[in-house]
Amino acid sequence: MTDQPKQLLHLVLGGDLKDTQSVEFADLSKVDIVGVFPNYAEAYAAWRAKAAATVDDAQKRYFVVHLHRLLDPSTDTSRKG
């Protein structure tokens, strides 16, 4: 049995925003769910590819959501305890 790094799930999604100053989507039925990734590095690569492909569309934004922080708050290394 090999030691594998702990799975830290990340979701990449995006779409057109109502306003570039908010994170409210214009139409939830058109949100692009890019995928769920086992670590931040893979999620970041997917986010970067989507963001680069839509760089000329000011209303379209993509985000990385740290699902592991929602599922298991103890994995949130940004919190000081």
PDB file of N, CA and C in Angstrom:
ATOM      1  N   MET A   1       0.846  -1.181   0.000  1.00  0.00           N
ATOM      2  CA  MET A   1       0.000   0.000   0.000  1.00  0.00           C
ATOM      3  C   MET A   1       0.889   1.241   0.000  1.00  0.00           C
ATOM      4  N   THR A   2       0.657   2.148  -0.941  1.00  0.00           N
ATOM      5  CA  THR A   2       1.474   3.356  -1.038  1.00  0.00           C
ATOM      6  C   THR A   2       0.822   4.496  -0.281  1.00  0.00           C
ATOM      7  N   ASP A   3       1.666   5.351   0.270  1.00  0.00           N
ATOM      8  CA  ASP A   3       1.151   6.540   0.959  1.00  0.00           C
ATOM      9  C   ASP A   3       0.796   7.595  -0.073  1.00  0.00           C
ATOM     10  N   GLN A   4      -0.460   7.962  -0.108  1.00  0.00           N
ATOM     11  CA  GLN A   4      -0.913   8.999  -1.030  1.00  0.00           C
ATOM     12  C   GLN A   4      -1.206  10.253  -0.238  1.00  0.00           C
ATOM     13  N   PRO A   5      -0.959  11.422  -0.845  1.00  0.00           N
ATOM     14  CA  PRO A   5      -1.287  12.660  -0.132  1.00  0.00           C
ATOM     15  C   PRO A   5      -2.786  12.726   0.154  1.00  0.00           C
ATOM     16  N   LYS A   6      -3.123  13.428   1.233  1.00  0.00           N
ATOM     17  CA  LYS A   6      -4.526  13.579   1.603  1.00  0.00           C
ATOM     18  C   LYS A   6      -5.279  14.303   0.493  1.00  0.00           C
ATOM     19  N   GLN A   7      -6.437  13.796   0.165  1.00  0.00           N
ATOM     20  CA  GLN A   7      -7.271  14.395  -0.875  1.00  0.00           C
ATOM     21  C   GLN A   7      -7.914  15.676  -0.345  1.00  0.00           C
ATOM     22  N   LEU A   8      -7.617  16.788  -1.004  1.00  0.00           N
ATOM     23  CA  LEU A   8      -8.194  18.080  -0.641  1.00  0.00           C
ATOM     24  C   LEU A   8      -8.991  18.580  -1.846  1.00  0.00           C
ATOM     25  N   LEU A   9     -10.281  18.287  -1.857  1.00  0.00           N
ATOM     26  CA  LEU A   9     -11.129  18.562  -3.013  1.00  0.00           C
ATOM     27  C   LEU A   9     -11.298  20.060  -3.278  1.00  0.00           C
ATOM     28  N   HIS A  10     -11.240  20.398  -4.567  1.00  0.00           N
ATOM     29  CA  HIS A  10     -11.451  21.773  -5.029  1.00  0.00           C
ATOM     30  C   HIS A  10     -12.391  21.739  -6.226  1.00  0.00           C
ATOM     31  N   LEU A  11     -13.293  22.700  -6.272  1.00  0.00           N
ATOM     32  CA  LEU A  11     -14.264  22.843  -7.361  1.00  0.00           C
ATOM     33  C   LEU A  11     -13.894  24.078  -8.179  1.00  0.00           C
ATOM     34  N   VAL A  12     -13.900  23.947  -9.496  1.00  0.00           N
ATOM     35  CA  VAL A  12     -13.680  25.088 -10.380  1.00  0.00           C
ATOM     36  C   VAL A  12     -14.982  25.327 -11.139  1.00  0.00           C
ATOM     37  N   LEU A  13     -15.472  26.568 -11.060  1.00  0.00           N
ATOM     38  CA  LEU A  13     -16.702  26.932 -11.748  1.00  0.00           C
ATOM     39  C   LEU A  13     -16.625  28.396 -12.174  1.00  0.00           C
ATOM     40  N   GLY A  14     -17.503  28.757 -13.081  1.00  0.00           N
ATOM     41  CA  GLY A  14     -17.514  30.145 -13.531  1.00  0.00           C
ATOM     42  C   GLY A  14     -18.687  30.427 -14.434  1.00  0.00           C
ATOM     43  N   GLY A  15     -18.719  31.663 -14.879  1.00  0.00           N
ATOM     44  CA  GLY A  15     -19.777  32.092 -15.772  1.00  0.00           C
ATOM     45  C   GLY A  15     -19.894  33.602 -15.787  1.00  0.00           C
ATOM     46  N   ASP A  16     -20.941  34.076 -16.416  1.00  0.00           N
ATOM     47  CA  ASP A  16     -21.174  35.515 -16.515  1.00  0.00           C
ATOM     48  C   ASP A  16     -21.721  36.054 -15.203  1.00  0.00           C
ATOM     49  N   LEU A  17     -21.127  37.152 -14.747  1.00  0.00           N
ATOM     50  CA  LEU A  17     -21.574  37.803 -13.521  1.00  0.00           C
ATOM     51  C   LEU A  17     -22.563  38.917 -13.846  1.00  0.00           C
ATOM     52  N   LYS A  18     -23.461  39.200 -12.908  1.00  0.00           N
ATOM     53  CA  LYS A  18     -24.386  40.325 -13.074  1.00  0.00           C
ATOM     54  C   LYS A  18     -23.627  41.633 -13.108  1.00  0.00           C
ATOM     55  N   ASP A  19     -22.589  41.714 -12.280  1.00  0.00           N
ATOM     56  CA  ASP A  19     -21.805  42.937 -12.122  1.00  0.00           C
ATOM     57  C   ASP A  19     -20.377  42.503 -11.812  1.00  0.00           C
ATOM     58  N   THR A  20     -19.400  43.122 -12.429  1.00  0.00           N
ATOM     59  CA  THR A  20     -18.012  42.724 -12.218  1.00  0.00           C
ATOM     60  C   THR A  20     -17.517  43.009 -10.800  1.00  0.00           C
ATOM     61  N   GLN A  21     -18.277  43.774 -10.033  1.00  0.00           N
ATOM     62  CA  GLN A  21     -17.898  44.071  -8.650  1.00  0.00           C
ATOM     63  C   GLN A  21     -18.502  43.089  -7.649  1.00  0.00           C
ATOM     64  N   SER A  22     -19.213  42.079  -8.148  1.00  0.00           N
ATOM     65  CA  SER A  22     -19.842  41.099  -7.261  1.00  0.00           C
ATOM     66  C   SER A  22     -19.472  39.686  -7.706  1.00  0.00           C
ATOM     67  N   VAL A  23     -19.971  38.721  -6.969  1.00  0.00           N
ATOM     68  CA  VAL A  23     -19.781  37.320  -7.358  1.00  0.00           C
ATOM     69  C   VAL A  23     -21.142  36.657  -7.588  1.00  0.00           C
ATOM     70  N   GLU A  24     -22.114  37.447  -8.014  1.00  0.00           N
ATOM     71  CA  GLU A  24     -23.448  36.930  -8.307  1.00  0.00           C
ATOM     72  C   GLU A  24     -23.551  36.628  -9.796  1.00  0.00           C
ATOM     73  N   PHE A  25     -23.893  35.375 -10.109  1.00  0.00           N
ATOM     74  CA  PHE A  25     -24.001  34.969 -11.507  1.00  0.00           C
ATOM     75  C   PHE A  25     -25.270  35.518 -12.144  1.00  0.00           C
ATOM     76  N   ALA A  26     -25.160  35.875 -13.430  1.00  0.00           N
ATOM     77  CA  ALA A  26     -26.292  36.421 -14.173  1.00  0.00           C
ATOM     78  C   ALA A  26     -27.373  35.363 -14.379  1.00  0.00           C
ATOM     79  N   ASP A  27     -26.982  34.129 -14.644  1.00  0.00           N
ATOM     80  CA  ASP A  27     -27.934  33.046 -14.911  1.00  0.00           C
ATOM     81  C   ASP A  27     -27.351  31.744 -14.369  1.00  0.00           C
ATOM     82  N   LEU A  28     -27.876  31.273 -13.252  1.00  0.00           N
ATOM     83  CA  LEU A  28     -27.342  30.056 -12.625  1.00  0.00           C
ATOM     84  C   LEU A  28     -27.440  28.827 -13.526  1.00  0.00           C
ATOM     85  N   SER A  29     -28.408  28.811 -14.426  1.00  0.00           N
ATOM     86  CA  SER A  29     -28.541  27.649 -15.312  1.00  0.00           C
ATOM     87  C   SER A  29     -27.400  27.583 -16.332  1.00  0.00           C
ATOM     88  N   LYS A  30     -26.635  28.655 -16.445  1.00  0.00           N
ATOM     89  CA  LYS A  30     -25.526  28.686 -17.400  1.00  0.00           C
ATOM     90  C   LYS A  30     -24.150  28.688 -16.731  1.00  0.00           C
ATOM     91  N   VAL A  31     -24.109  28.411 -15.437  1.00  0.00           N
ATOM     92  CA  VAL A  31     -22.825  28.336 -14.745  1.00  0.00           C
ATOM     93  C   VAL A  31     -22.041  27.138 -15.294  1.00  0.00           C
ATOM     94  N   ASP A  32     -20.793  27.376 -15.613  1.00  0.00           N
ATOM     95  CA  ASP A  32     -19.909  26.349 -16.160  1.00  0.00           C
ATOM     96  C   ASP A  32     -19.205  25.644 -15.000  1.00  0.00           C
ATOM     97  N   ILE A  33     -19.594  24.385 -14.758  1.00  0.00           N
ATOM     98  CA  ILE A  33     -18.935  23.567 -13.743  1.00  0.00           C
ATOM     99  C   ILE A  33     -17.769  22.871 -14.445  1.00  0.00           C
ATOM    100  N   VAL A  34     -16.563  23.372 -14.220  1.00  0.00           N
ATOM    101  CA  VAL A  34     -15.390  22.827 -14.892  1.00  0.00           C
ATOM    102  C   VAL A  34     -15.063  21.448 -14.340  1.00  0.00           C
ATOM    103  N   GLY A  35     -15.100  21.312 -13.015  1.00  0.00           N
ATOM    104  CA  GLY A  35     -14.850  20.003 -12.427  1.00  0.00           C
ATOM    105  C   GLY A  35     -14.419  20.074 -10.991  1.00  0.00           C
ATOM    106  N   VAL A  36     -14.274  18.895 -10.397  1.00  0.00           N
ATOM    107  CA  VAL A  36     -13.786  18.733  -9.035  1.00  0.00           C
ATOM    108  C   VAL A  36     -12.403  18.101  -9.144  1.00  0.00           C
ATOM    109  N   PHE A  37     -11.460  18.657  -8.390  1.00  0.00           N
ATOM    110  CA  PHE A  37     -10.064  18.243  -8.503  1.00  0.00           C
ATOM    111  C   PHE A  37      -9.531  17.807  -7.140  1.00  0.00           C
ATOM    112  N   PRO A  38      -8.579  16.867  -7.120  1.00  0.00           N
ATOM    113  CA  PRO A  38      -8.108  16.297  -5.859  1.00  0.00           C
ATOM    114  C   PRO A  38      -7.126  17.168  -5.074  1.00  0.00           C
ATOM    115  N   ASN A  39      -6.666  18.255  -5.690  1.00  0.00           N
ATOM    116  CA  ASN A  39      -5.729  19.140  -5.003  1.00  0.00           C
ATOM    117  C   ASN A  39      -5.766  20.528  -5.652  1.00  0.00           C
ATOM    118  N   TYR A  40      -5.183  21.473  -4.957  1.00  0.00           N
ATOM    119  CA  TYR A  40      -5.211  22.860  -5.431  1.00  0.00           C
ATOM    120  C   TYR A  40      -4.432  23.033  -6.734  1.00  0.00           C
ATOM    121  N   ALA A  41      -3.325  22.356  -6.885  1.00  0.00           N
ATOM    122  CA  ALA A  41      -2.506  22.512  -8.089  1.00  0.00           C
ATOM    123  C   ALA A  41      -3.291  22.162  -9.354  1.00  0.00           C
ATOM    124  N   GLU A  42      -4.015  21.060  -9.318  1.00  0.00           N
ATOM    125  CA  GLU A  42      -4.808  20.666 -10.492  1.00  0.00           C
ATOM    126  C   GLU A  42      -5.977  21.622 -10.712  1.00  0.00           C
ATOM    127  N   ALA A  43      -6.604  22.054  -9.623  1.00  0.00           N
ATOM    128  CA  ALA A  43      -7.711  23.014  -9.736  1.00  0.00           C
ATOM    129  C   ALA A  43      -7.206  24.340 -10.302  1.00  0.00           C
ATOM    130  N   TYR A  44      -6.058  24.785  -9.831  1.00  0.00           N
ATOM    131  CA  TYR A  44      -5.478  26.039 -10.304  1.00  0.00           C
ATOM    132  C   TYR A  44      -5.170  25.970 -11.802  1.00  0.00           C
ATOM    133  N   ALA A  45      -4.638  24.843 -12.251  1.00  0.00           N
ATOM    134  CA  ALA A  45      -4.339  24.671 -13.677  1.00  0.00           C
ATOM    135  C   ALA A  45      -5.615  24.755 -14.517  1.00  0.00           C
ATOM    136  N   ALA A  46      -6.690  24.128 -14.042  1.00  0.00           N
ATOM    137  CA  ALA A  46      -7.968  24.175 -14.762  1.00  0.00           C
ATOM    138  C   ALA A  46      -8.543  25.591 -14.742  1.00  0.00           C
ATOM    139  N   TRP A  47      -8.467  26.261 -13.572  1.00  0.00           N
ATOM    140  CA  TRP A  47      -8.942  27.641 -13.455  1.00  0.00           C
ATOM    141  C   TRP A  47      -8.175  28.541 -14.404  1.00  0.00           C
ATOM    142  N   ARG A  48      -6.860  28.409 -14.412  1.00  0.00           N
ATOM    143  CA  ARG A  48      -6.015  29.265 -15.249  1.00  0.00           C
ATOM    144  C   ARG A  48      -6.353  29.092 -16.731  1.00  0.00           C
ATOM    145  N   ALA A  49      -6.573  27.863 -17.157  1.00  0.00           N
ATOM    146  CA  ALA A  49      -6.914  27.595 -18.558  1.00  0.00           C
ATOM    147  C   ALA A  49      -8.241  28.258 -18.924  1.00  0.00           C
ATOM    148  N   LYS A  50      -9.249  28.116 -18.058  1.00  0.00           N
ATOM    149  CA  LYS A  50     -10.559  28.724 -18.331  1.00  0.00           C
ATOM    150  C   LYS A  50     -10.471  30.244 -18.283  1.00  0.00           C
ATOM    151  N   ALA A  51      -9.775  30.783 -17.300  1.00  0.00           N
ATOM    152  CA  ALA A  51      -9.637  32.230 -17.166  1.00  0.00           C
ATOM    153  C   ALA A  51      -8.915  32.816 -18.384  1.00  0.00           C
ATOM    154  N   ALA A  52      -7.874  32.144 -18.846  1.00  0.00           N
ATOM    155  CA  ALA A  52      -7.127  32.616 -20.010  1.00  0.00           C
ATOM    156  C   ALA A  52      -7.979  32.568 -21.275  1.00  0.00           C
ATOM    157  N   ALA A  53      -8.805  31.542 -21.391  1.00  0.00           N
ATOM    158  CA  ALA A  53      -9.647  31.388 -22.580  1.00  0.00           C
ATOM    159  C   ALA A  53     -10.758  32.435 -22.641  1.00  0.00           C
ATOM    160  N   THR A  54     -11.092  33.032 -21.497  1.00  0.00           N
ATOM    161  CA  THR A  54     -12.201  34.000 -21.447  1.00  0.00           C
ATOM    162  C   THR A  54     -11.715  35.397 -21.052  1.00  0.00           C
ATOM    163  N   VAL A  55     -10.425  35.652 -21.205  1.00  0.00           N
ATOM    164  CA  VAL A  55      -9.839  36.913 -20.746  1.00  0.00           C
ATOM    165  C   VAL A  55     -10.474  38.142 -21.407  1.00  0.00           C
ATOM    166  N   ASP A  56     -10.998  38.009 -22.599  1.00  0.00           N
ATOM    167  CA  ASP A  56     -11.592  39.148 -23.306  1.00  0.00           C
ATOM    168  C   ASP A  56     -13.051  39.400 -22.930  1.00  0.00           C
ATOM    169  N   ASP A  57     -13.623  38.572 -22.109  1.00  0.00           N
ATOM    170  CA  ASP A  57     -15.016  38.721 -21.682  1.00  0.00           C
ATOM    171  C   ASP A  57     -15.029  39.210 -20.233  1.00  0.00           C
ATOM    172  N   ALA A  58     -15.187  40.504 -20.038  1.00  0.00           N
ATOM    173  CA  ALA A  58     -15.093  41.124 -18.708  1.00  0.00           C
ATOM    174  C   ALA A  58     -16.155  40.612 -17.740  1.00  0.00           C
ATOM    175  N   GLN A  59     -17.284  40.149 -18.229  1.00  0.00           N
ATOM    176  CA  GLN A  59     -18.365  39.685 -17.344  1.00  0.00           C
ATOM    177  C   GLN A  59     -18.157  38.251 -16.869  1.00  0.00           C
ATOM    178  N   LYS A  60     -17.275  37.514 -17.533  1.00  0.00           N
ATOM    179  CA  LYS A  60     -17.101  36.089 -17.213  1.00  0.00           C
ATOM    180  C   LYS A  60     -15.942  35.916 -16.238  1.00  0.00           C
ATOM    181  N   ARG A  61     -16.205  35.192 -15.147  1.00  0.00           N
ATOM    182  CA  ARG A  61     -15.186  34.925 -14.136  1.00  0.00           C
ATOM    183  C   ARG A  61     -15.233  33.466 -13.715  1.00  0.00           C
ATOM    184  N   TYR A  62     -14.077  32.967 -13.380  1.00  0.00           N
ATOM    185  CA  TYR A  62     -13.952  31.599 -12.868  1.00  0.00           C
ATOM    186  C   TYR A  62     -13.373  31.640 -11.468  1.00  0.00           C
ATOM    187  N   PHE A  63     -13.754  30.652 -10.656  1.00  0.00           N
ATOM    188  CA  PHE A  63     -13.381  30.604  -9.250  1.00  0.00           C
ATOM    189  C   PHE A  63     -12.924  29.202  -8.864  1.00  0.00           C
ATOM    190  N   VAL A  64     -12.051  29.155  -7.867  1.00  0.00           N
ATOM    191  CA  VAL A  64     -11.664  27.891  -7.237  1.00  0.00           C
ATOM    192  C   VAL A  64     -12.306  27.892  -5.853  1.00  0.00           C
ATOM    193  N   VAL A  65     -13.123  26.882  -5.585  1.00  0.00           N
ATOM    194  CA  VAL A  65     -13.786  26.741  -4.290  1.00  0.00           C
ATOM    195  C   VAL A  65     -13.099  25.603  -3.531  1.00  0.00           C
ATOM    196  N   HIS A  66     -12.671  25.881  -2.327  1.00  0.00           N
ATOM    197  CA  HIS A  66     -11.990  24.890  -1.501  1.00  0.00           C
ATOM    198  C   HIS A  66     -13.041  24.012  -0.811  1.00  0.00           C
ATOM    199  N   LEU A  67     -13.494  22.986  -1.513  1.00  0.00           N
ATOM    200  CA  LEU A  67     -14.529  22.105  -0.971  1.00  0.00           C
ATOM    201  C   LEU A  67     -14.079  21.411   0.307  1.00  0.00           C
ATOM    202  N   HIS A  68     -12.816  21.076   0.393  1.00  0.00           N
ATOM    203  CA  HIS A  68     -12.325  20.365   1.574  1.00  0.00           C
ATOM    204  C   HIS A  68     -12.523  21.187   2.843  1.00  0.00           C
ATOM    205  N   ARG A  69     -12.517  22.504   2.734  1.00  0.00           N
ATOM    206  CA  ARG A  69     -12.729  23.356   3.907  1.00  0.00           C
ATOM    207  C   ARG A  69     -14.187  23.303   4.366  1.00  0.00           C
ATOM    208  N   LEU A  70     -15.088  23.085   3.437  1.00  0.00           N
ATOM    209  CA  LEU A  70     -16.505  22.962   3.785  1.00  0.00           C
ATOM    210  C   LEU A  70     -16.812  21.577   4.361  1.00  0.00           C
ATOM    211  N   LEU A  71     -16.192  20.562   3.782  1.00  0.00           N
ATOM    212  CA  LEU A  71     -16.447  19.187   4.200  1.00  0.00           C
ATOM    213  C   LEU A  71     -15.755  18.849   5.519  1.00  0.00           C
ATOM    214  N   ASP A  72     -14.562  19.407   5.712  1.00  0.00           N
ATOM    215  CA  ASP A  72     -13.783  19.123   6.924  1.00  0.00           C
ATOM    216  C   ASP A  72     -13.019  20.386   7.309  1.00  0.00           C
ATOM    217  N   PRO A  73     -13.598  21.234   8.147  1.00  0.00           N
ATOM    218  CA  PRO A  73     -12.952  22.503   8.508  1.00  0.00           C
ATOM    219  C   PRO A  73     -11.548  22.354   9.078  1.00  0.00           C
ATOM    220  N   SER A  74     -11.185  21.200   9.582  1.00  0.00           N
ATOM    221  CA  SER A  74      -9.840  21.023  10.125  1.00  0.00           C
ATOM    222  C   SER A  74      -8.764  21.064   9.039  1.00  0.00           C
ATOM    223  N   THR A  75      -9.168  20.969   7.765  1.00  0.00           N
ATOM    224  CA  THR A  75      -8.191  21.033   6.667  1.00  0.00           C
ATOM    225  C   THR A  75      -7.893  22.463   6.240  1.00  0.00           C
ATOM    226  N   ASP A  76      -8.548  23.435   6.855  1.00  0.00           N
ATOM    227  CA  ASP A  76      -8.322  24.844   6.524  1.00  0.00           C
ATOM    228  C   ASP A  76      -7.042  25.319   7.194  1.00  0.00           C
ATOM    229  N   THR A  77      -5.954  25.301   6.454  1.00  0.00           N
ATOM    230  CA  THR A  77      -4.650  25.687   6.998  1.00  0.00           C
ATOM    231  C   THR A  77      -4.494  27.199   7.110  1.00  0.00           C
ATOM    232  N   SER A  78      -5.425  27.961   6.565  1.00  0.00           N
ATOM    233  CA  SER A  78      -5.318  29.418   6.644  1.00  0.00           C
ATOM    234  C   SER A  78      -5.803  29.950   7.996  1.00  0.00           C
ATOM    235  N   ARG A  79      -6.560  29.114   8.729  1.00  0.00           N
ATOM    236  CA  ARG A  79      -7.070  29.537  10.045  1.00  0.00           C
ATOM    237  C   ARG A  79      -6.005  29.377  11.094  1.00  0.00           C
ATOM    238  N   LYS A  80      -5.911  30.343  11.925  1.00  0.00           N
ATOM    239  CA  LYS A  80      -4.989  30.280  13.061  1.00  0.00           C
ATOM    240  C   LYS A  80      -5.771  29.767  14.259  1.00  0.00           C
ATOM    241  N   GLY A  81      -5.297  28.725  14.897  1.00  0.00           N
ATOM    242  CA  GLY A  81      -6.068  28.159  15.970  1.00  0.00           C
ATOM    243  C   GLY A  81      -5.392  28.243  17.243  1.00  0.00           C
TER     244      GLY A  81
END
